Each structure stands twice: as structure tokens, then as C-alpha cells.
Amino acid sequence: MAALVEYVRNHGEGNWNVVQKNTGLACCGKSWRLRWANHLRSGLRKESFSPEEEIIIIELHAKMRNKWARMASKV
């Protein structure tokens, strides 16, 4: 995965199909995009929510329903 992190550092996010061609890594672009977005991207938080964050999420869900991306920007 170091090759993917290095590629994104040098070229930025986007055009994930080119990653395989430029790094020799053998996955499709969709796989690289998902790997980056869900596991490797800087700023990702993997710890549990605090009690305060849980309350905020419950309140936001009551207002916004299943607009998870919008809610995530407010937590």
C-alpha cells in the first residue's frame, strides 16, 4: 500500500485507473479508490464516537435522515 500512498502524494487523488499502470499494482481503479477512501486517506478516524458525538449524530439523523456525508461534515 505504500506505493498507493506515494502515488497519491505525488499525483493527487483521481484517475484511479492510472494507478495500476504507473505503480505495477494489480487491482482495478475502483478497488484503489475504495482502498484510499476507506483505509489510507489521511484524516480518517477509526476510533469510536464519543458520547457527545453520538448525541450529535442521533440529532442530525432525526433531521437529515440518511444523508450520511452531510452529517459527517458536521461531526
PDB file of N, CA and C in Angstrom:
ATOM      1  N   MET A   1       0.808  -1.200   0.000  1.00  0.00           N
ATOM      2  CA  MET A   1       0.000   0.000   0.000  1.00  0.00           C
ATOM      3  C   MET A   1       0.851   1.263   0.000  1.00  0.00           C
ATOM      4  N   ALA A   2       2.110   1.113   0.342  1.00  0.00           N
ATOM      5  CA  ALA A   2       2.995   2.279   0.323  1.00  0.00           C
ATOM      6  C   ALA A   2       3.076   2.878  -1.073  1.00  0.00           C
ATOM      7  N   ALA A   3       3.000   2.026  -2.091  1.00  0.00           N
ATOM      8  CA  ALA A   3       3.056   2.525  -3.468  1.00  0.00           C
ATOM      9  C   ALA A   3       1.837   3.388  -3.779  1.00  0.00           C
ATOM     10  N   LEU A   4       0.669   2.999  -3.266  1.00  0.00           N
ATOM     11  CA  LEU A   4      -0.541   3.791  -3.493  1.00  0.00           C
ATOM     12  C   LEU A   4      -0.447   5.132  -2.776  1.00  0.00           C
ATOM     13  N   VAL A   5       0.000   5.124  -1.539  1.00  0.00           N
ATOM     14  CA  VAL A   5       0.154   6.375  -0.782  1.00  0.00           C
ATOM     15  C   VAL A   5       1.148   7.293  -1.484  1.00  0.00           C
ATOM     16  N   GLU A   6       2.248   6.735  -1.939  1.00  0.00           N
ATOM     17  CA  GLU A   6       3.262   7.522  -2.655  1.00  0.00           C
ATOM     18  C   GLU A   6       2.696   8.096  -3.952  1.00  0.00           C
ATOM     19  N   TYR A   7       1.934   7.289  -4.681  1.00  0.00           N
ATOM     20  CA  TYR A   7       1.334   7.756  -5.931  1.00  0.00           C
ATOM     21  C   TYR A   7       0.402   8.940  -5.669  1.00  0.00           C
ATOM     22  N   VAL A   8      -0.468   8.812  -4.670  1.00  0.00           N
ATOM     23  CA  VAL A   8      -1.421   9.888  -4.360  1.00  0.00           C
ATOM     24  C   VAL A   8      -0.678  11.126  -3.877  1.00  0.00           C
ATOM     25  N   ARG A   9       0.377  10.946  -3.107  1.00  0.00           N
ATOM     26  CA  ARG A   9       1.170  12.084  -2.636  1.00  0.00           C
ATOM     27  C   ARG A   9       1.751  12.854  -3.830  1.00  0.00           C
ATOM     28  N   ASN A  10       2.211  12.141  -4.834  1.00  0.00           N
ATOM     29  CA  ASN A  10       2.853  12.782  -5.987  1.00  0.00           C
ATOM     30  C   ASN A  10       1.878  13.296  -7.038  1.00  0.00           C
ATOM     31  N   HIS A  11       0.740  12.597  -7.211  1.00  0.00           N
ATOM     32  CA  HIS A  11      -0.161  12.920  -8.315  1.00  0.00           C
ATOM     33  C   HIS A  11      -1.544  13.384  -7.875  1.00  0.00           C
ATOM     34  N   GLY A  12      -1.861  13.249  -6.603  1.00  0.00           N
ATOM     35  CA  GLY A  12      -3.172  13.645  -6.113  1.00  0.00           C
ATOM     36  C   GLY A  12      -4.207  12.552  -6.327  1.00  0.00           C
ATOM     37  N   GLU A  13      -5.382  12.783  -5.770  1.00  0.00           N
ATOM     38  CA  GLU A  13      -6.477  11.826  -5.903  1.00  0.00           C
ATOM     39  C   GLU A  13      -7.115  11.967  -7.272  1.00  0.00           C
ATOM     40  N   GLY A  14      -7.671  10.886  -7.760  1.00  0.00           N
ATOM     41  CA  GLY A  14      -8.376  10.913  -9.034  1.00  0.00           C
ATOM     42  C   GLY A  14      -7.715  10.023 -10.063  1.00  0.00           C
ATOM     43  N   ASN A  15      -8.427   9.736 -11.121  1.00  0.00           N
ATOM     44  CA  ASN A  15      -7.973   8.874 -12.213  1.00  0.00           C
ATOM     45  C   ASN A  15      -7.312   7.611 -11.671  1.00  0.00           C
ATOM     46  N   TRP A  16      -8.074   6.859 -10.923  1.00  0.00           N
ATOM     47  CA  TRP A  16      -7.563   5.684 -10.221  1.00  0.00           C
ATOM     48  C   TRP A  16      -7.124   4.577 -11.166  1.00  0.00           C
ATOM     49  N   ASN A  17      -7.647   4.538 -12.388  1.00  0.00           N
ATOM     50  CA  ASN A  17      -7.235   3.503 -13.340  1.00  0.00           C
ATOM     51  C   ASN A  17      -5.765   3.633 -13.717  1.00  0.00           C
ATOM     52  N   VAL A  18      -5.208   4.828 -13.625  1.00  0.00           N
ATOM     53  CA  VAL A  18      -3.807   5.053 -13.974  1.00  0.00           C
ATOM     54  C   VAL A  18      -2.874   4.500 -12.898  1.00  0.00           C
ATOM     55  N   VAL A  19      -3.373   4.327 -11.683  1.00  0.00           N
ATOM     56  CA  VAL A  19      -2.532   3.841 -10.584  1.00  0.00           C
ATOM     57  C   VAL A  19      -1.892   2.509 -10.956  1.00  0.00           C
ATOM     58  N   GLN A  20      -2.679   1.589 -11.482  1.00  0.00           N
ATOM     59  CA  GLN A  20      -2.147   0.272 -11.835  1.00  0.00           C
ATOM     60  C   GLN A  20      -1.040   0.389 -12.876  1.00  0.00           C
ATOM     61  N   LYS A  21      -1.256   1.210 -13.878  1.00  0.00           N
ATOM     62  CA  LYS A  21      -0.271   1.369 -14.949  1.00  0.00           C
ATOM     63  C   LYS A  21       1.030   1.982 -14.435  1.00  0.00           C
ATOM     64  N   ASN A  22       0.935   2.940 -13.540  1.00  0.00           N
ATOM     65  CA  ASN A  22       2.123   3.662 -13.074  1.00  0.00           C
ATOM     66  C   ASN A  22       2.840   3.012 -11.896  1.00  0.00           C
ATOM     67  N   THR A  23       2.158   2.133 -11.172  1.00  0.00           N
ATOM     68  CA  THR A  23       2.782   1.540  -9.991  1.00  0.00           C
ATOM     69  C   THR A  23       3.031   0.045 -10.132  1.00  0.00           C
ATOM     70  N   GLY A  24       2.377  -0.588 -11.092  1.00  0.00           N
ATOM     71  CA  GLY A  24       2.502  -2.032 -11.228  1.00  0.00           C
ATOM     72  C   GLY A  24       1.636  -2.799 -10.245  1.00  0.00           C
ATOM     73  N   LEU A  25       0.810  -2.095  -9.481  1.00  0.00           N
ATOM     74  CA  LEU A  25      -0.088  -2.745  -8.534  1.00  0.00           C
ATOM     75  C   LEU A  25      -1.269  -3.334  -9.305  1.00  0.00           C
ATOM     76  N   ALA A  26      -1.677  -4.545  -8.963  1.00  0.00           N
ATOM     77  CA  ALA A  26      -2.607  -5.299  -9.799  1.00  0.00           C
ATOM     78  C   ALA A  26      -4.049  -5.270  -9.307  1.00  0.00           C
ATOM     79  N   CYS A  27      -4.639  -4.121  -9.182  1.00  0.00           N
ATOM     80  CA  CYS A  27      -6.067  -4.004  -8.883  1.00  0.00           C
ATOM     81  C   CYS A  27      -6.676  -2.995  -9.837  1.00  0.00           C
ATOM     82  N   CYS A  28      -8.000  -3.030  -9.959  1.00  0.00           N
ATOM     83  CA  CYS A  28      -8.665  -2.070 -10.837  1.00  0.00           C
ATOM     84  C   CYS A  28      -8.781  -0.710 -10.136  1.00  0.00           C
ATOM     85  N   GLY A  29      -9.096   0.312 -10.904  1.00  0.00           N
ATOM     86  CA  GLY A  29      -9.201   1.663 -10.372  1.00  0.00           C
ATOM     87  C   GLY A  29     -10.205   1.797  -9.250  1.00  0.00           C
ATOM     88  N   LYS A  30     -11.343   1.109  -9.394  1.00  0.00           N
ATOM     89  CA  LYS A  30     -12.372   1.186  -8.353  1.00  0.00           C
ATOM     90  C   LYS A  30     -11.831   0.656  -7.026  1.00  0.00           C
ATOM     91  N   SER A  31     -11.084  -0.438  -7.073  1.00  0.00           N
ATOM     92  CA  SER A  31     -10.510  -1.008  -5.850  1.00  0.00           C
ATOM     93  C   SER A  31      -9.544  -0.037  -5.191  1.00  0.00           C
ATOM     94  N   TRP A  32      -8.727   0.643  -6.001  1.00  0.00           N
ATOM     95  CA  TRP A  32      -7.765   1.605  -5.445  1.00  0.00           C
ATOM     96  C   TRP A  32      -8.476   2.799  -4.835  1.00  0.00           C
ATOM     97  N   ARG A  33      -9.529   3.274  -5.507  1.00  0.00           N
ATOM     98  CA  ARG A  33     -10.277   4.411  -4.971  1.00  0.00           C
ATOM     99  C   ARG A  33     -10.897   4.050  -3.622  1.00  0.00           C
ATOM    100  N   LEU A  34     -11.514   2.880  -3.537  1.00  0.00           N
ATOM    101  CA  LEU A  34     -12.136   2.462  -2.283  1.00  0.00           C
ATOM    102  C   LEU A  34     -11.100   2.231  -1.185  1.00  0.00           C
ATOM    103  N   ARG A  35      -9.969   1.636  -1.550  1.00  0.00           N
ATOM    104  CA  ARG A  35      -8.901   1.406  -0.565  1.00  0.00           C
ATOM    105  C   ARG A  35      -8.410   2.734  -0.001  1.00  0.00           C
ATOM    106  N   TRP A  36      -8.230   3.713  -0.889  1.00  0.00           N
ATOM    107  CA  TRP A  36      -7.771   5.034  -0.464  1.00  0.00           C
ATOM    108  C   TRP A  36      -8.820   5.698   0.429  1.00  0.00           C
ATOM    109  N   ALA A  37     -10.053   5.740  -0.028  1.00  0.00           N
ATOM    110  CA  ALA A  37     -11.112   6.458   0.677  1.00  0.00           C
ATOM    111  C   ALA A  37     -11.429   5.848   2.040  1.00  0.00           C
ATOM    112  N   ASN A  38     -11.376   4.527   2.136  1.00  0.00           N
ATOM    113  CA  ASN A  38     -11.822   3.862   3.356  1.00  0.00           C
ATOM    114  C   ASN A  38     -10.717   3.446   4.319  1.00  0.00           C
ATOM    115  N   HIS A  39      -9.454   3.438   3.858  1.00  0.00           N
ATOM    116  CA  HIS A  39      -8.402   2.912   4.730  1.00  0.00           C
ATOM    117  C   HIS A  39      -7.136   3.756   4.804  1.00  0.00           C
ATOM    118  N   LEU A  40      -6.735   4.386   3.722  1.00  0.00           N
ATOM    119  CA  LEU A  40      -5.408   5.006   3.677  1.00  0.00           C
ATOM    120  C   LEU A  40      -5.406   6.528   3.722  1.00  0.00           C
ATOM    121  N   ARG A  41      -6.500   7.145   3.380  1.00  0.00           N
ATOM    122  CA  ARG A  41      -6.571   8.606   3.303  1.00  0.00           C
ATOM    123  C   ARG A  41      -6.224   9.235   4.647  1.00  0.00           C
ATOM    124  N   SER A  42      -5.418  10.283   4.617  1.00  0.00           N
ATOM    125  CA  SER A  42      -5.080  10.964   5.867  1.00  0.00           C
ATOM    126  C   SER A  42      -6.326  11.658   6.413  1.00  0.00           C
ATOM    127  N   GLY A  43      -6.412  11.745   7.700  1.00  0.00           N
ATOM    128  CA  GLY A  43      -7.560  12.388   8.321  1.00  0.00           C
ATOM    129  C   GLY A  43      -8.686  11.430   8.669  1.00  0.00           C
ATOM    130  N   LEU A  44      -8.569  10.165   8.284  1.00  0.00           N
ATOM    131  CA  LEU A  44      -9.603   9.198   8.649  1.00  0.00           C
ATOM    132  C   LEU A  44      -9.538   8.915  10.142  1.00  0.00           C
ATOM    133  N   ARG A  45     -10.695   8.830  10.746  1.00  0.00           N
ATOM    134  CA  ARG A  45     -10.770   8.479  12.166  1.00  0.00           C
ATOM    135  C   ARG A  45     -11.341   7.079  12.276  1.00  0.00           C
ATOM    136  N   LYS A  46     -10.676   6.221  13.008  1.00  0.00           N
ATOM    137  CA  LYS A  46     -11.147   4.846  13.144  1.00  0.00           C
ATOM    138  C   LYS A  46     -11.552   4.512  14.576  1.00  0.00           C
ATOM    139  N   GLU A  47     -11.414   5.479  15.471  1.00  0.00           N
ATOM    140  CA  GLU A  47     -11.795   5.211  16.857  1.00  0.00           C
ATOM    141  C   GLU A  47     -13.310   5.358  17.014  1.00  0.00           C
ATOM    142  N   SER A  48     -13.806   4.920  18.150  1.00  0.00           N
ATOM    143  CA  SER A  48     -15.241   5.000  18.435  1.00  0.00           C
ATOM    144  C   SER A  48     -15.669   6.449  18.614  1.00  0.00           C
ATOM    145  N   PHE A  49     -16.972   6.679  18.444  1.00  0.00           N
ATOM    146  CA  PHE A  49     -17.520   8.009  18.686  1.00  0.00           C
ATOM    147  C   PHE A  49     -17.567   8.282  20.182  1.00  0.00           C
ATOM    148  N   SER A  50     -17.370   9.539  20.552  1.00  0.00           N
ATOM    149  CA  SER A  50     -17.523   9.933  21.951  1.00  0.00           C
ATOM    150  C   SER A  50     -19.024  10.007  22.250  1.00  0.00           C
ATOM    151  N   PRO A  51     -19.405  10.002  23.528  1.00  0.00           N
ATOM    152  CA  PRO A  51     -20.829  10.140  23.868  1.00  0.00           C
ATOM    153  C   PRO A  51     -21.442  11.422  23.286  1.00  0.00           C
ATOM    154  N   GLU A  52     -20.673  12.509  23.273  1.00  0.00           N
ATOM    155  CA  GLU A  52     -21.175  13.769  22.716  1.00  0.00           C
ATOM    156  C   GLU A  52     -21.415  13.641  21.212  1.00  0.00           C
ATOM    157  N   GLU A  53     -20.486  12.972  20.525  1.00  0.00           N
ATOM    158  CA  GLU A  53     -20.644  12.782  19.081  1.00  0.00           C
ATOM    159  C   GLU A  53     -21.851  11.900  18.771  1.00  0.00           C
ATOM    160  N   GLU A  54     -22.087  10.890  19.599  1.00  0.00           N
ATOM    161  CA  GLU A  54     -23.254  10.027  19.400  1.00  0.00           C
ATOM    162  C   GLU A  54     -24.544  10.830  19.487  1.00  0.00           C
ATOM    163  N   ILE A  55     -24.629  11.733  20.453  1.00  0.00           N
ATOM    164  CA  ILE A  55     -25.823  12.576  20.599  1.00  0.00           C
ATOM    165  C   ILE A  55     -26.003  13.443  19.359  1.00  0.00           C
ATOM    166  N   ILE A  56     -24.908  14.039  18.890  1.00  0.00           N
ATOM    167  CA  ILE A  56     -24.971  14.884  17.692  1.00  0.00           C
ATOM    168  C   ILE A  56     -25.450  14.064  16.500  1.00  0.00           C
ATOM    169  N   ILE A  57     -24.925  12.860  16.338  1.00  0.00           N
ATOM    170  CA  ILE A  57     -25.308  12.009  15.209  1.00  0.00           C
ATOM    171  C   ILE A  57     -26.787  11.653  15.278  1.00  0.00           C
ATOM    172  N   ILE A  58     -27.269  11.308  16.450  1.00  0.00           N
ATOM    173  CA  ILE A  58     -28.689  10.968  16.611  1.00  0.00           C
ATOM    174  C   ILE A  58     -29.564  12.165  16.264  1.00  0.00           C
ATOM    175  N   GLU A  59     -29.183  13.346  16.736  1.00  0.00           N
ATOM    176  CA  GLU A  59     -29.958  14.557  16.436  1.00  0.00           C
ATOM    177  C   GLU A  59     -29.924  14.880  14.941  1.00  0.00           C
ATOM    178  N   LEU A  60     -28.745  14.769  14.329  1.00  0.00           N
ATOM    179  CA  LEU A  60     -28.637  15.044  12.895  1.00  0.00           C
ATOM    180  C   LEU A  60     -29.433  14.038  12.074  1.00  0.00           C
ATOM    181  N   HIS A  61     -29.408  12.778  12.483  1.00  0.00           N
ATOM    182  CA  HIS A  61     -30.155  11.762  11.743  1.00  0.00           C
ATOM    183  C   HIS A  61     -31.652  12.028  11.821  1.00  0.00           C
ATOM    184  N   ALA A  62     -32.117  12.511  12.967  1.00  0.00           N
ATOM    185  CA  ALA A  62     -33.536  12.843  13.097  1.00  0.00           C
ATOM    186  C   ALA A  62     -33.931  13.949  12.123  1.00  0.00           C
ATOM    187  N   LYS A  63     -33.005  14.876  11.852  1.00  0.00           N
ATOM    188  CA  LYS A  63     -33.287  15.991  10.937  1.00  0.00           C
ATOM    189  C   LYS A  63     -33.026  15.628   9.478  1.00  0.00           C
ATOM    190  N   MET A  64     -31.917  14.939   9.229  1.00  0.00           N
ATOM    191  CA  MET A  64     -31.455  14.732   7.852  1.00  0.00           C
ATOM    192  C   MET A  64     -31.747  13.337   7.303  1.00  0.00           C
ATOM    193  N   ARG A  65     -32.228  12.451   8.122  1.00  0.00           N
ATOM    194  CA  ARG A  65     -32.435  11.049   7.757  1.00  0.00           C
ATOM    195  C   ARG A  65     -31.113  10.403   7.355  1.00  0.00           C
ATOM    196  N   ASN A  66     -30.998   9.872   6.170  1.00  0.00           N
ATOM    197  CA  ASN A  66     -29.806   9.104   5.789  1.00  0.00           C
ATOM    198  C   ASN A  66     -28.820   9.884   4.928  1.00  0.00           C
ATOM    199  N   LYS A  67     -28.669  11.151   5.162  1.00  0.00           N
ATOM    200  CA  LYS A  67     -27.695  11.987   4.443  1.00  0.00           C
ATOM    201  C   LYS A  67     -26.362  11.919   5.187  1.00  0.00           C
ATOM    202  N   TRP A  68     -25.710  10.764   5.134  1.00  0.00           N
ATOM    203  CA  TRP A  68     -24.538  10.493   5.965  1.00  0.00           C
ATOM    204  C   TRP A  68     -23.348  11.376   5.634  1.00  0.00           C
ATOM    205  N   ALA A  69     -23.121  11.666   4.373  1.00  0.00           N
ATOM    206  CA  ALA A  69     -21.977  12.518   4.013  1.00  0.00           C
ATOM    207  C   ALA A  69     -22.154  13.917   4.593  1.00  0.00           C
ATOM    208  N   ARG A  70     -23.357  14.450   4.518  1.00  0.00           N
ATOM    209  CA  ARG A  70     -23.625  15.772   5.104  1.00  0.00           C
ATOM    210  C   ARG A  70     -23.433  15.747   6.613  1.00  0.00           C
ATOM    211  N   MET A  71     -23.957  14.695   7.238  1.00  0.00           N
ATOM    212  CA  MET A  71     -23.832  14.596   8.696  1.00  0.00           C
ATOM    213  C   MET A  71     -22.368  14.477   9.107  1.00  0.00           C
ATOM    214  N   ALA A  72     -21.587  13.721   8.356  1.00  0.00           N
ATOM    215  CA  ALA A  72     -20.171  13.540   8.691  1.00  0.00           C
ATOM    216  C   ALA A  72     -19.425  14.861   8.681  1.00  0.00           C
ATOM    217  N   SER A  73     -19.828  15.768   7.815  1.00  0.00           N
ATOM    218  CA  SER A  73     -19.146  17.063   7.753  1.00  0.00           C
ATOM    219  C   SER A  73     -19.454  17.925   8.975  1.00  0.00           C
ATOM    220  N   LYS A  74     -20.484  17.575   9.731  1.00  0.00           N
ATOM    221  CA  LYS A  74     -20.874  18.358  10.898  1.00  0.00           C
ATOM    222  C   LYS A  74     -20.403  17.739  12.215  1.00  0.00           C
ATOM    223  N   VAL A  75     -19.858  16.543  12.167  1.00  0.00           N
ATOM    224  CA  VAL A  75     -19.411  15.863  13.400  1.00  0.00           C
ATOM    225  C   VAL A  75     -17.934  16.099  13.594  1.00  0.00           C
TER     226      VAL A  75
END
